[in-house]
Amino acid sequence: DLLMQVEGKPKCCFFKFSSKIQYTKVVKAQLWIYLRPVKTPTTVFVQILRLIKPMKDGTRYTGIRSLKLDMNPGAGIWQSIDVKTVLQNWLKQPESNLGIEIKALDENGHDLAVTFPRPGEDGL
């Protein structure tokens, strides 16, 4: 969907599941995201948004989880997010899986979540 792209790259993460696992009981589901290192102590607001078909008011997503993290200078960090309910819903209704959007904004509005490596940045 071109509406879900920024500068030609998807701004969402799409997960496709095999029909073999559609009836699997989900016991636990964690999404791990990597946050880029920061140079100064900062607060990061992490949002995981589930993309939905556009509603009449133009809404294209619904919130899954929001976190407030304090980060210190040094290496980047891994953060896990519980997505069990989202995964269960996707398996029950695969057509509702339009992907998720991951945001991790610092106090200056910079997105620290690594979903695509930047130029000169190694992939994970």
PDB file of N, CA and C in Angstrom:
ATOM      1  N   ASP A   1       0.849  -1.178   0.000  1.00  0.00           N
ATOM      2  CA  ASP A   1       0.000   0.000   0.000  1.00  0.00           C
ATOM      3  C   ASP A   1       0.892   1.238   0.000  1.00  0.00           C
ATOM      4  N   LEU A   2       0.809   2.048  -1.033  1.00  0.00           N
ATOM      5  CA  LEU A   2       1.657   3.233  -1.128  1.00  0.00           C
ATOM      6  C   LEU A   2       1.384   4.232  -0.014  1.00  0.00           C
ATOM      7  N   LEU A   3       0.176   4.221   0.553  1.00  0.00           N
ATOM      8  CA  LEU A   3      -0.126   5.122   1.663  1.00  0.00           C
ATOM      9  C   LEU A   3       0.663   4.755   2.910  1.00  0.00           C
ATOM     10  N   MET A   4       1.174   3.548   2.958  1.00  0.00           N
ATOM     11  CA  MET A   4       1.930   3.080   4.119  1.00  0.00           C
ATOM     12  C   MET A   4       3.433   3.159   3.867  1.00  0.00           C
ATOM     13  N   GLN A   5       3.852   4.032   2.942  1.00  0.00           N
ATOM     14  CA  GLN A   5       5.261   4.163   2.625  1.00  0.00           C
ATOM     15  C   GLN A   5       5.743   5.588   2.857  1.00  0.00           C
ATOM     16  N   VAL A   6       7.015   5.684   3.223  1.00  0.00           N
ATOM     17  CA  VAL A   6       7.690   6.964   3.373  1.00  0.00           C
ATOM     18  C   VAL A   6       8.980   6.858   2.580  1.00  0.00           C
ATOM     19  N   GLU A   7       9.170   7.772   1.632  1.00  0.00           N
ATOM     20  CA  GLU A   7      10.362   7.774   0.782  1.00  0.00           C
ATOM     21  C   GLU A   7      10.580   6.406   0.131  1.00  0.00           C
ATOM     22  N   GLY A   8       9.489   5.777  -0.319  1.00  0.00           N
ATOM     23  CA  GLY A   8       9.586   4.512  -1.032  1.00  0.00           C
ATOM     24  C   GLY A   8       9.816   3.298  -0.160  1.00  0.00           C
ATOM     25  N   LYS A   9       9.910   3.480   1.154  1.00  0.00           N
ATOM     26  CA  LYS A   9      10.112   2.343   2.057  1.00  0.00           C
ATOM     27  C   LYS A   9       8.879   2.183   2.936  1.00  0.00           C
ATOM     28  N   PRO A  10       8.511   0.934   3.231  1.00  0.00           N
ATOM     29  CA  PRO A  10       7.348   0.739   4.099  1.00  0.00           C
ATOM     30  C   PRO A  10       7.586   1.367   5.465  1.00  0.00           C
ATOM     31  N   LYS A  11       6.543   1.982   6.035  1.00  0.00           N
ATOM     32  CA  LYS A  11       6.663   2.502   7.391  1.00  0.00           C
ATOM     33  C   LYS A  11       5.962   1.562   8.356  1.00  0.00           C
ATOM     34  N   CYS A  12       5.658   0.359   7.859  1.00  0.00           N
ATOM     35  CA  CYS A  12       5.041  -0.639   8.719  1.00  0.00           C
ATOM     36  C   CYS A  12       5.780  -1.956   8.550  1.00  0.00           C
ATOM     37  N   CYS A  13       5.553  -2.863   9.474  1.00  0.00           N
ATOM     38  CA  CYS A  13       6.127  -4.208   9.396  1.00  0.00           C
ATOM     39  C   CYS A  13       4.971  -5.164   9.173  1.00  0.00           C
ATOM     40  N   PHE A  14       5.069  -5.966   8.128  1.00  0.00           N
ATOM     41  CA  PHE A  14       4.001  -6.883   7.783  1.00  0.00           C
ATOM     42  C   PHE A  14       4.451  -8.297   8.077  1.00  0.00           C
ATOM     43  N   PHE A  15       3.599  -9.050   8.752  1.00  0.00           N
ATOM     44  CA  PHE A  15       3.894 -10.429   9.089  1.00  0.00           C
ATOM     45  C   PHE A  15       2.891 -11.332   8.390  1.00  0.00           C
ATOM     46  N   LYS A  16       3.395 -12.332   7.668  1.00  0.00           N
ATOM     47  CA  LYS A  16       2.521 -13.277   6.984  1.00  0.00           C
ATOM     48  C   LYS A  16       2.686 -14.632   7.663  1.00  0.00           C
ATOM     49  N   PHE A  17       1.563 -15.252   7.978  1.00  0.00           N
ATOM     50  CA  PHE A  17       1.590 -16.522   8.679  1.00  0.00           C
ATOM     51  C   PHE A  17       1.070 -17.633   7.782  1.00  0.00           C
ATOM     52  N   SER A  18       1.703 -18.772   7.888  1.00  0.00           N
ATOM     53  CA  SER A  18       1.297 -19.950   7.139  1.00  0.00           C
ATOM     54  C   SER A  18      -0.083 -20.410   7.614  1.00  0.00           C
ATOM     55  N   SER A  19      -0.888 -20.947   6.690  1.00  0.00           N
ATOM     56  CA  SER A  19      -2.206 -21.447   7.071  1.00  0.00           C
ATOM     57  C   SER A  19      -2.084 -22.629   8.033  1.00  0.00           C
ATOM     58  N   LYS A  20      -0.922 -23.269   8.068  1.00  0.00           N
ATOM     59  CA  LYS A  20      -0.710 -24.403   8.971  1.00  0.00           C
ATOM     60  C   LYS A  20      -0.789 -23.997  10.437  1.00  0.00           C
ATOM     61  N   ILE A  21      -0.431 -22.754  10.739  1.00  0.00           N
ATOM     62  CA  ILE A  21      -0.437 -22.336  12.141  1.00  0.00           C
ATOM     63  C   ILE A  21      -1.697 -21.571  12.533  1.00  0.00           C
ATOM     64  N   GLN A  22      -2.638 -21.453  11.600  1.00  0.00           N
ATOM     65  CA  GLN A  22      -3.838 -20.661  11.866  1.00  0.00           C
ATOM     66  C   GLN A  22      -4.608 -21.170  13.082  1.00  0.00           C
ATOM     67  N   TYR A  23      -4.594 -22.465  13.337  1.00  0.00           N
ATOM     68  CA  TYR A  23      -5.368 -23.019  14.455  1.00  0.00           C
ATOM     69  C   TYR A  23      -4.488 -23.369  15.642  1.00  0.00           C
ATOM     70  N   THR A  24      -3.285 -22.854  15.666  1.00  0.00           N
ATOM     71  CA  THR A  24      -2.365 -23.082  16.762  1.00  0.00           C
ATOM     72  C   THR A  24      -2.758 -22.238  17.965  1.00  0.00           C
ATOM     73  N   LYS A  25      -2.661 -22.826  19.149  1.00  0.00           N
ATOM     74  CA  LYS A  25      -2.934 -22.059  20.361  1.00  0.00           C
ATOM     75  C   LYS A  25      -1.699 -21.213  20.674  1.00  0.00           C
ATOM     76  N   VAL A  26      -1.899 -19.932  20.855  1.00  0.00           N
ATOM     77  CA  VAL A  26      -0.805 -19.013  21.161  1.00  0.00           C
ATOM     78  C   VAL A  26      -0.663 -18.931  22.676  1.00  0.00           C
ATOM     79  N   VAL A  27       0.503 -19.326  23.172  1.00  0.00           N
ATOM     80  CA  VAL A  27       0.769 -19.277  24.606  1.00  0.00           C
ATOM     81  C   VAL A  27       1.479 -17.979  24.961  1.00  0.00           C
ATOM     82  N   LYS A  28       2.388 -17.554  24.085  1.00  0.00           N
ATOM     83  CA  LYS A  28       3.162 -16.345  24.326  1.00  0.00           C
ATOM     84  C   LYS A  28       3.622 -15.794  22.980  1.00  0.00           C
ATOM     85  N   ALA A  29       3.600 -14.479  22.848  1.00  0.00           N
ATOM     86  CA  ALA A  29       4.103 -13.839  21.627  1.00  0.00           C
ATOM     87  C   ALA A  29       4.762 -12.515  22.017  1.00  0.00           C
ATOM     88  N   GLN A  30       6.050 -12.409  21.731  1.00  0.00           N
ATOM     89  CA  GLN A  30       6.816 -11.200  22.042  1.00  0.00           C
ATOM     90  C   GLN A  30       7.385 -10.632  20.750  1.00  0.00           C
ATOM     91  N   LEU A  31       7.267  -9.330  20.592  1.00  0.00           N
ATOM     92  CA  LEU A  31       7.907  -8.614  19.493  1.00  0.00           C
ATOM     93  C   LEU A  31       9.109  -7.903  20.100  1.00  0.00           C
ATOM     94  N   TRP A  32      10.289  -8.165  19.570  1.00  0.00           N
ATOM     95  CA  TRP A  32      11.506  -7.510  20.043  1.00  0.00           C
ATOM     96  C   TRP A  32      11.876  -6.420  19.048  1.00  0.00           C
ATOM     97  N   ILE A  33      12.102  -5.210  19.566  1.00  0.00           N
ATOM     98  CA  ILE A  33      12.547  -4.112  18.707  1.00  0.00           C
ATOM     99  C   ILE A  33      13.878  -3.585  19.235  1.00  0.00           C
ATOM    100  N   TYR A  34      14.708  -3.132  18.306  1.00  0.00           N
ATOM    101  CA  TYR A  34      16.011  -2.578  18.662  1.00  0.00           C
ATOM    102  C   TYR A  34      15.938  -1.066  18.562  1.00  0.00           C
ATOM    103  N   LEU A  35      16.395  -0.395  19.612  1.00  0.00           N
ATOM    104  CA  LEU A  35      16.422   1.067  19.645  1.00  0.00           C
ATOM    105  C   LEU A  35      17.857   1.552  19.478  1.00  0.00           C
ATOM    106  N   ARG A  36      18.046   2.473  18.557  1.00  0.00           N
ATOM    107  CA  ARG A  36      19.378   3.025  18.295  1.00  0.00           C
ATOM    108  C   ARG A  36      19.953   3.662  19.558  1.00  0.00           C
ATOM    109  N   PRO A  37      21.292   3.694  19.673  1.00  0.00           N
ATOM    110  CA  PRO A  37      21.912   4.344  20.831  1.00  0.00           C
ATOM    111  C   PRO A  37      21.633   5.851  20.837  1.00  0.00           C
ATOM    112  N   VAL A  38      21.685   6.424  22.022  1.00  0.00           N
ATOM    113  CA  VAL A  38      21.508   7.871  22.176  1.00  0.00           C
ATOM    114  C   VAL A  38      22.804   8.483  22.691  1.00  0.00           C
ATOM    115  N   LYS A  39      23.001   9.779  22.433  1.00  0.00           N
ATOM    116  CA  LYS A  39      24.228  10.463  22.861  1.00  0.00           C
ATOM    117  C   LYS A  39      24.079  11.118  24.222  1.00  0.00           C
ATOM    118  N   THR A  40      22.842  11.433  24.585  1.00  0.00           N
ATOM    119  CA  THR A  40      22.577  12.056  25.887  1.00  0.00           C
ATOM    120  C   THR A  40      21.398  11.327  26.527  1.00  0.00           C
ATOM    121  N   PRO A  41      21.278  11.379  27.846  1.00  0.00           N
ATOM    122  CA  PRO A  41      20.115  10.736  28.482  1.00  0.00           C
ATOM    123  C   PRO A  41      18.823  11.303  27.893  1.00  0.00           C
ATOM    124  N   THR A  42      17.895  10.436  27.587  1.00  0.00           N
ATOM    125  CA  THR A  42      16.648  10.880  26.965  1.00  0.00           C
ATOM    126  C   THR A  42      15.505   9.937  27.327  1.00  0.00           C
ATOM    127  N   THR A  43      14.302  10.446  27.199  1.00  0.00           N
ATOM    128  CA  THR A  43      13.102   9.629  27.371  1.00  0.00           C
ATOM    129  C   THR A  43      12.603   9.262  25.987  1.00  0.00           C
ATOM    130  N   VAL A  44      12.255   7.999  25.824  1.00  0.00           N
ATOM    131  CA  VAL A  44      11.770   7.505  24.536  1.00  0.00           C
ATOM    132  C   VAL A  44      10.342   7.000  24.721  1.00  0.00           C
ATOM    133  N   PHE A  45       9.478   7.402  23.807  1.00  0.00           N
ATOM    134  CA  PHE A  45       8.091   6.963  23.822  1.00  0.00           C
ATOM    135  C   PHE A  45       7.908   5.949  22.693  1.00  0.00           C
ATOM    136  N   VAL A  46       7.683   4.701  23.064  1.00  0.00           N
ATOM    137  CA  VAL A  46       7.538   3.609  22.097  1.00  0.00           C
ATOM    138  C   VAL A  46       6.055   3.355  21.878  1.00  0.00           C
ATOM    139  N   GLN A  47       5.660   3.278  20.615  1.00  0.00           N
ATOM    140  CA  GLN A  47       4.283   2.952  20.262  1.00  0.00           C
ATOM    141  C   GLN A  47       4.279   1.818  19.249  1.00  0.00           C
ATOM    142  N   ILE A  48       3.439   0.840  19.476  1.00  0.00           N
ATOM    143  CA  ILE A  48       3.193  -0.219  18.506  1.00  0.00           C
ATOM    144  C   ILE A  48       1.740  -0.055  18.079  1.00  0.00           C
ATOM    145  N   LEU A  49       1.539   0.169  16.794  1.00  0.00           N
ATOM    146  CA  LEU A  49       0.212   0.445  16.249  1.00  0.00           C
ATOM    147  C   LEU A  49      -0.188  -0.644  15.259  1.00  0.00           C
ATOM    148  N   ARG A  50      -1.392  -1.151  15.375  1.00  0.00           N
ATOM    149  CA  ARG A  50      -1.898  -2.152  14.432  1.00  0.00           C
ATOM    150  C   ARG A  50      -2.637  -1.416  13.325  1.00  0.00           C
ATOM    151  N   LEU A  51      -2.237  -1.666  12.083  1.00  0.00           N
ATOM    152  CA  LEU A  51      -2.867  -1.020  10.939  1.00  0.00           C
ATOM    153  C   LEU A  51      -4.217  -1.678  10.671  1.00  0.00           C
ATOM    154  N   ILE A  52      -5.209  -0.844  10.384  1.00  0.00           N
ATOM    155  CA  ILE A  52      -6.563  -1.323  10.120  1.00  0.00           C
ATOM    156  C   ILE A  52      -7.076  -0.692   8.833  1.00  0.00           C
ATOM    157  N   LYS A  53      -8.165  -1.244   8.314  1.00  0.00           N
ATOM    158  CA  LYS A  53      -8.789  -0.631   7.144  1.00  0.00           C
ATOM    159  C   LYS A  53      -9.274   0.748   7.550  1.00  0.00           C
ATOM    160  N   PRO A  54      -9.130   1.742   6.666  1.00  0.00           N
ATOM    161  CA  PRO A  54      -9.512   3.112   7.038  1.00  0.00           C
ATOM    162  C   PRO A  54     -10.968   3.202   7.490  1.00  0.00           C
ATOM    163  N   MET A  55     -11.150   3.914   8.600  1.00  0.00           N
ATOM    164  CA  MET A  55     -12.495   4.148   9.113  1.00  0.00           C
ATOM    165  C   MET A  55     -13.044   5.430   8.489  1.00  0.00           C
ATOM    166  N   LYS A  56     -14.293   5.736   8.736  1.00  0.00           N
ATOM    167  CA  LYS A  56     -14.928   6.922   8.147  1.00  0.00           C
ATOM    168  C   LYS A  56     -14.204   8.205   8.527  1.00  0.00           C
ATOM    169  N   ASP A  57     -13.632   8.237   9.731  1.00  0.00           N
ATOM    170  CA  ASP A  57     -12.932   9.459  10.173  1.00  0.00           C
ATOM    171  C   ASP A  57     -11.486   9.512   9.683  1.00  0.00           C
ATOM    172  N   GLY A  58     -11.069   8.519   8.882  1.00  0.00           N
ATOM    173  CA  GLY A  58      -9.718   8.498   8.335  1.00  0.00           C
ATOM    174  C   GLY A  58      -8.709   7.723   9.174  1.00  0.00           C
ATOM    175  N   THR A  59      -9.108   7.236  10.342  1.00  0.00           N
ATOM    176  CA  THR A  59      -8.207   6.473  11.201  1.00  0.00           C
ATOM    177  C   THR A  59      -7.742   5.212  10.483  1.00  0.00           C
ATOM    178  N   ARG A  60      -6.415   4.978  10.491  1.00  0.00           N
ATOM    179  CA  ARG A  60      -5.834   3.813   9.817  1.00  0.00           C
ATOM    180  C   ARG A  60      -5.111   2.887  10.777  1.00  0.00           C
ATOM    181  N   TYR A  61      -5.160   3.173  12.072  1.00  0.00           N
ATOM    182  CA  TYR A  61      -4.463   2.308  13.023  1.00  0.00           C
ATOM    183  C   TYR A  61      -5.130   2.374  14.389  1.00  0.00           C
ATOM    184  N   THR A  62      -4.799   1.373  15.197  1.00  0.00           N
ATOM    185  CA  THR A  62      -5.259   1.343  16.574  1.00  0.00           C
ATOM    186  C   THR A  62      -4.058   0.975  17.449  1.00  0.00           C
ATOM    187  N   GLY A  63      -3.987   1.520  18.626  1.00  0.00           N
ATOM    188  CA  GLY A  63      -2.843   1.275  19.500  1.00  0.00           C
ATOM    189  C   GLY A  63      -2.819  -0.135  20.043  1.00  0.00           C
ATOM    190  N   ILE A  64      -1.622  -0.719  20.103  1.00  0.00           N
ATOM    191  CA  ILE A  64      -1.425  -2.031  20.720  1.00  0.00           C
ATOM    192  C   ILE A  64      -0.768  -1.830  22.078  1.00  0.00           C
ATOM    193  N   ARG A  65       0.369  -1.164  22.077  1.00  0.00           N
ATOM    194  CA  ARG A  65       1.101  -0.914  23.317  1.00  0.00           C
ATOM    195  C   ARG A  65       1.808   0.431  23.219  1.00  0.00           C
ATOM    196  N   SER A  66       1.958   1.072  24.365  1.00  0.00           N
ATOM    197  CA  SER A  66       2.755   2.293  24.491  1.00  0.00           C
ATOM    198  C   SER A  66       3.642   2.137  25.710  1.00  0.00           C
ATOM    199  N   LEU A  67       4.893   2.542  25.568  1.00  0.00           N
ATOM    200  CA  LEU A  67       5.858   2.473  26.663  1.00  0.00           C
ATOM    201  C   LEU A  67       6.613   3.784  26.755  1.00  0.00           C
ATOM    202  N   LYS A  68       7.028   4.118  27.956  1.00  0.00           N
ATOM    203  CA  LYS A  68       7.900   5.264  28.175  1.00  0.00           C
ATOM    204  C   LYS A  68       9.191   4.693  28.762  1.00  0.00           C
ATOM    205  N   LEU A  69      10.309   4.901  28.055  1.00  0.00           N
ATOM    206  CA  LEU A  69      11.598   4.355  28.475  1.00  0.00           C
ATOM    207  C   LEU A  69      12.600   5.476  28.698  1.00  0.00           C
ATOM    208  N   ASP A  70      13.419   5.341  29.731  1.00  0.00           N
ATOM    209  CA  ASP A  70      14.539   6.255  29.934  1.00  0.00           C
ATOM    210  C   ASP A  70      15.783   5.571  29.396  1.00  0.00           C
ATOM    211  N   MET A  71      16.462   6.228  28.439  1.00  0.00           N
ATOM    212  CA  MET A  71      17.674   5.663  27.843  1.00  0.00           C
ATOM    213  C   MET A  71      18.874   6.518  28.223  1.00  0.00           C
ATOM    214  N   ASN A  72      19.978   5.833  28.479  1.00  0.00           N
ATOM    215  CA  ASN A  72      21.250   6.492  28.766  1.00  0.00           C
ATOM    216  C   ASN A  72      22.190   6.310  27.587  1.00  0.00           C
ATOM    217  N   PRO A  73      23.196   7.192  27.469  1.00  0.00           N
ATOM    218  CA  PRO A  73      24.164   7.051  26.372  1.00  0.00           C
ATOM    219  C   PRO A  73      24.851   5.686  26.435  1.00  0.00           C
ATOM    220  N   GLY A  74      25.233   5.207  25.282  1.00  0.00           N
ATOM    221  CA  GLY A  74      25.909   3.915  25.199  1.00  0.00           C
ATOM    222  C   GLY A  74      25.336   3.122  24.051  1.00  0.00           C
ATOM    223  N   ALA A  75      25.347   1.815  24.196  1.00  0.00           N
ATOM    224  CA  ALA A  75      24.847   0.930  23.149  1.00  0.00           C
ATOM    225  C   ALA A  75      23.328   1.047  23.048  1.00  0.00           C
ATOM    226  N   GLY A  76      22.806   0.671  21.899  1.00  0.00           N
ATOM    227  CA  GLY A  76      21.363   0.614  21.736  1.00  0.00           C
ATOM    228  C   GLY A  76      20.800  -0.491  22.629  1.00  0.00           C
ATOM    229  N   ILE A  77      19.486  -0.549  22.713  1.00  0.00           N
ATOM    230  CA  ILE A  77      18.866  -1.550  23.575  1.00  0.00           C
ATOM    231  C   ILE A  77      17.788  -2.325  22.821  1.00  0.00           C
ATOM    232  N   TRP A  78      17.550  -3.550  23.267  1.00  0.00           N
ATOM    233  CA  TRP A  78      16.443  -4.352  22.790  1.00  0.00           C
ATOM    234  C   TRP A  78      15.289  -4.195  23.760  1.00  0.00           C
ATOM    235  N   GLN A  79      14.085  -4.057  23.238  1.00  0.00           N
ATOM    236  CA  GLN A  79      12.892  -3.935  24.075  1.00  0.00           C
ATOM    237  C   GLN A  79      11.850  -4.925  23.568  1.00  0.00           C
ATOM    238  N   SER A  80      11.252  -5.685  24.477  1.00  0.00           N
ATOM    239  CA  SER A  80      10.214  -6.633  24.064  1.00  0.00           C
ATOM    240  C   SER A  80       8.830  -6.056  24.351  1.00  0.00           C
ATOM    241  N   ILE A  81       7.898  -6.434  23.504  1.00  0.00           N
ATOM    242  CA  ILE A  81       6.512  -5.981  23.614  1.00  0.00           C
ATOM    243  C   ILE A  81       5.627  -7.225  23.512  1.00  0.00           C
ATOM    244  N   ASP A  82       4.660  -7.358  24.416  1.00  0.00           N
ATOM    245  CA  ASP A  82       3.726  -8.477  24.375  1.00  0.00           C
ATOM    246  C   ASP A  82       2.716  -8.245  23.253  1.00  0.00           C
ATOM    247  N   VAL A  83       2.667  -9.171  22.285  1.00  0.00           N
ATOM    248  CA  VAL A  83       1.736  -9.053  21.163  1.00  0.00           C
ATOM    249  C   VAL A  83       0.853 -10.299  21.035  1.00  0.00           C
ATOM    250  N   LYS A  84       0.673 -11.012  22.144  1.00  0.00           N
ATOM    251  CA  LYS A  84      -0.105 -12.252  22.130  1.00  0.00           C
ATOM    252  C   LYS A  84      -1.522 -12.028  21.603  1.00  0.00           C
ATOM    253  N   THR A  85      -2.225 -11.030  22.121  1.00  0.00           N
ATOM    254  CA  THR A  85      -3.610 -10.791  21.715  1.00  0.00           C
ATOM    255  C   THR A  85      -3.695 -10.436  20.237  1.00  0.00           C
ATOM    256  N   VAL A  86      -2.767  -9.617  19.772  1.00  0.00           N
ATOM    257  CA  VAL A  86      -2.754  -9.235  18.353  1.00  0.00           C
ATOM    258  C   VAL A  86      -2.555 -10.470  17.483  1.00  0.00           C
ATOM    259  N   LEU A  87      -1.608 -11.316  17.849  1.00  0.00           N
ATOM    260  CA  LEU A  87      -1.342 -12.523  17.079  1.00  0.00           C
ATOM    261  C   LEU A  87      -2.555 -13.457  17.090  1.00  0.00           C
ATOM    262  N   GLN A  88      -3.185 -13.617  18.244  1.00  0.00           N
ATOM    263  CA  GLN A  88      -4.383 -14.459  18.317  1.00  0.00           C
ATOM    264  C   GLN A  88      -5.468 -13.940  17.369  1.00  0.00           C
ATOM    265  N   ASN A  89      -5.661 -12.630  17.354  1.00  0.00           N
ATOM    266  CA  ASN A  89      -6.672 -12.046  16.460  1.00  0.00           C
ATOM    267  C   ASN A  89      -6.306 -12.242  14.995  1.00  0.00           C
ATOM    268  N   TRP A  90      -5.030 -12.092  14.658  1.00  0.00           N
ATOM    269  CA  TRP A  90      -4.598 -12.294  13.278  1.00  0.00           C
ATOM    270  C   TRP A  90      -4.837 -13.731  12.832  1.00  0.00           C
ATOM    271  N   LEU A  91      -4.583 -14.671  13.732  1.00  0.00           N
ATOM    272  CA  LEU A  91      -4.775 -16.077  13.368  1.00  0.00           C
ATOM    273  C   LEU A  91      -6.258 -16.419  13.209  1.00  0.00           C
ATOM    274  N   LYS A  92      -7.116 -15.783  13.995  1.00  0.00           N
ATOM    275  CA  LYS A  92      -8.562 -16.011  13.883  1.00  0.00           C
ATOM    276  C   LYS A  92      -9.119 -15.344  12.622  1.00  0.00           C
ATOM    277  N   GLN A  93      -8.583 -14.157  12.301  1.00  0.00           N
ATOM    278  CA  GLN A  93      -9.064 -13.381  11.159  1.00  0.00           C
ATOM    279  C   GLN A  93      -7.863 -12.879  10.357  1.00  0.00           C
ATOM    280  N   PRO A  94      -7.269 -13.745   9.532  1.00  0.00           N
ATOM    281  CA  PRO A  94      -6.052 -13.350   8.796  1.00  0.00           C
ATOM    282  C   PRO A  94      -6.236 -12.113   7.925  1.00  0.00           C
ATOM    283  N   GLU A  95      -7.442 -11.878   7.447  1.00  0.00           N
ATOM    284  CA  GLU A  95      -7.684 -10.713   6.583  1.00  0.00           C
ATOM    285  C   GLU A  95      -7.520  -9.398   7.340  1.00  0.00           C
ATOM    286  N   SER A  96      -7.528  -9.462   8.678  1.00  0.00           N
ATOM    287  CA  SER A  96      -7.350  -8.234   9.472  1.00  0.00           C
ATOM    288  C   SER A  96      -5.877  -7.867   9.648  1.00  0.00           C
ATOM    289  N   ASN A  97      -4.968  -8.722   9.163  1.00  0.00           N
ATOM    290  CA  ASN A  97      -3.533  -8.480   9.316  1.00  0.00           C
ATOM    291  C   ASN A  97      -3.041  -7.542   8.224  1.00  0.00           C
ATOM    292  N   LEU A  98      -3.047  -6.257   8.534  1.00  0.00           N
ATOM    293  CA  LEU A  98      -2.515  -5.265   7.599  1.00  0.00           C
ATOM    294  C   LEU A  98      -1.127  -4.804   8.032  1.00  0.00           C
ATOM    295  N   GLY A  99      -0.598  -5.397   9.108  1.00  0.00           N
ATOM    296  CA  GLY A  99       0.733  -5.055   9.586  1.00  0.00           C
ATOM    297  C   GLY A  99       0.682  -4.181  10.826  1.00  0.00           C
ATOM    298  N   ILE A 100       1.859  -3.810  11.288  1.00  0.00           N
ATOM    299  CA  ILE A 100       1.978  -2.930  12.444  1.00  0.00           C
ATOM    300  C   ILE A 100       2.961  -1.819  12.121  1.00  0.00           C
ATOM    301  N   GLU A 101       2.810  -0.720  12.812  1.00  0.00           N
ATOM    302  CA  GLU A 101       3.756   0.386  12.703  1.00  0.00           C
ATOM    303  C   GLU A 101       4.457   0.512  14.045  1.00  0.00           C
ATOM    304  N   ILE A 102       5.775   0.674  14.005  1.00  0.00           N
ATOM    305  CA  ILE A 102       6.590   0.776  15.213  1.00  0.00           C
ATOM    306  C   ILE A 102       7.192   2.171  15.261  1.00  0.00           C
ATOM    307  N   LYS A 103       6.949   2.866  16.371  1.00  0.00           N
ATOM    308  CA  LYS A 103       7.533   4.197  16.562  1.00  0.00           C
ATOM    309  C   LYS A 103       8.240   4.213  17.911  1.00  0.00           C
ATOM    310  N   ALA A 104       9.400   4.827  17.955  1.00  0.00           N
ATOM    311  CA  ALA A 104      10.124   5.013  19.213  1.00  0.00           C
ATOM    312  C   ALA A 104      10.757   6.404  19.152  1.00  0.00           C
ATOM    313  N   LEU A 105       9.989   7.398  19.555  1.00  0.00           N
ATOM    314  CA  LEU A 105      10.417   8.788  19.403  1.00  0.00           C
ATOM    315  C   LEU A 105      11.083   9.309  20.664  1.00  0.00           C
ATOM    316  N   ASP A 106      12.251   9.948  20.463  1.00  0.00           N
ATOM    317  CA  ASP A 106      12.918  10.582  21.603  1.00  0.00           C
ATOM    318  C   ASP A 106      12.297  11.963  21.831  1.00  0.00           C
ATOM    319  N   GLU A 107      12.831  12.689  22.778  1.00  0.00           N
ATOM    320  CA  GLU A 107      12.274  13.996  23.151  1.00  0.00           C
ATOM    321  C   GLU A 107      12.312  15.011  22.007  1.00  0.00           C
ATOM    322  N   ASN A 108      13.196  14.777  21.017  1.00  0.00           N
ATOM    323  CA  ASN A 108      13.316  15.682  19.870  1.00  0.00           C
ATOM    324  C   ASN A 108      12.557  15.176  18.647  1.00  0.00           C
ATOM    325  N   GLY A 109      11.820  14.094  18.803  1.00  0.00           N
ATOM    326  CA  GLY A 109      11.038  13.559  17.698  1.00  0.00           C
ATOM    327  C   GLY A 109      11.789  12.639  16.762  1.00  0.00           C
ATOM    328  N   HIS A 110      13.032  12.257  17.111  1.00  0.00           N
ATOM    329  CA  HIS A 110      13.796  11.317  16.284  1.00  0.00           C
ATOM    330  C   HIS A 110      13.323   9.900  16.565  1.00  0.00           C
ATOM    331  N   ASP A 111      13.107   9.126  15.496  1.00  0.00           N
ATOM    332  CA  ASP A 111      12.658   7.746  15.652  1.00  0.00           C
ATOM    333  C   ASP A 111      13.881   6.856  15.861  1.00  0.00           C
ATOM    334  N   LEU A 112      13.942   6.184  16.996  1.00  0.00           N
ATOM    335  CA  LEU A 112      15.089   5.345  17.347  1.00  0.00           C
ATOM    336  C   LEU A 112      14.877   3.876  17.010  1.00  0.00           C
ATOM    337  N   ALA A 113      13.667   3.485  16.627  1.00  0.00           N
ATOM    338  CA  ALA A 113      13.403   2.083  16.296  1.00  0.00           C
ATOM    339  C   ALA A 113      14.071   1.735  14.975  1.00  0.00           C
ATOM    340  N   VAL A 114      14.797   0.640  14.957  1.00  0.00           N
ATOM    341  CA  VAL A 114      15.438   0.191  13.724  1.00  0.00           C
ATOM    342  C   VAL A 114      14.498  -0.797  13.046  1.00  0.00           C
ATOM    343  N   THR A 115      13.851  -0.339  11.979  1.00  0.00           N
ATOM    344  CA  THR A 115      13.038  -1.231  11.151  1.00  0.00           C
ATOM    345  C   THR A 115      13.727  -1.453   9.805  1.00  0.00           C
ATOM    346  N   PHE A 116      14.510  -0.488   9.385  1.00  0.00           N
ATOM    347  CA  PHE A 116      15.360  -0.582   8.201  1.00  0.00           C
ATOM    348  C   PHE A 116      16.678   0.091   8.548  1.00  0.00           C
ATOM    349  N   PRO A 117      17.822  -0.546   8.217  1.00  0.00           N
ATOM    350  CA  PRO A 117      19.106   0.122   8.496  1.00  0.00           C
ATOM    351  C   PRO A 117      19.239   1.403   7.678  1.00  0.00           C
ATOM    352  N   ARG A 118      19.808   2.421   8.281  1.00  0.00           N
ATOM    353  CA  ARG A 118      20.106   3.667   7.577  1.00  0.00           C
ATOM    354  C   ARG A 118      21.378   3.473   6.742  1.00  0.00           C
ATOM    355  N   PRO A 119      21.631   4.369   5.811  1.00  0.00           N
ATOM    356  CA  PRO A 119      22.887   4.267   5.046  1.00  0.00           C
ATOM    357  C   PRO A 119      24.088   4.229   5.995  1.00  0.00           C
ATOM    358  N   GLY A 120      24.975   3.267   5.795  1.00  0.00           N
ATOM    359  CA  GLY A 120      26.149   3.120   6.636  1.00  0.00           C
ATOM    360  C   GLY A 120      25.886   2.382   7.930  1.00  0.00           C
ATOM    361  N   GLU A 121      24.666   1.967   8.156  1.00  0.00           N
ATOM    362  CA  GLU A 121      24.300   1.278   9.392  1.00  0.00           C
ATOM    363  C   GLU A 121      24.121  -0.201   9.092  1.00  0.00           C
ATOM    364  N   ASP A 122      24.693  -1.050   9.918  1.00  0.00           N
ATOM    365  CA  ASP A 122      24.547  -2.488   9.731  1.00  0.00           C
ATOM    366  C   ASP A 122      23.128  -2.908  10.034  1.00  0.00           C
ATOM    367  N   GLY A 123      22.661  -3.936   9.332  1.00  0.00           N
ATOM    368  CA  GLY A 123      21.367  -4.526   9.655  1.00  0.00           C
ATOM    369  C   GLY A 123      21.487  -5.349  10.923  1.00  0.00           C
ATOM    370  N   LEU A 124      20.397  -5.762  11.432  1.00  0.00           N
ATOM    371  CA  LEU A 124      20.405  -6.547  12.675  1.00  0.00           C
ATOM    372  C   LEU A 124      20.509  -8.011  12.359  1.00  0.00           C
TER     373      LEU A 124
END
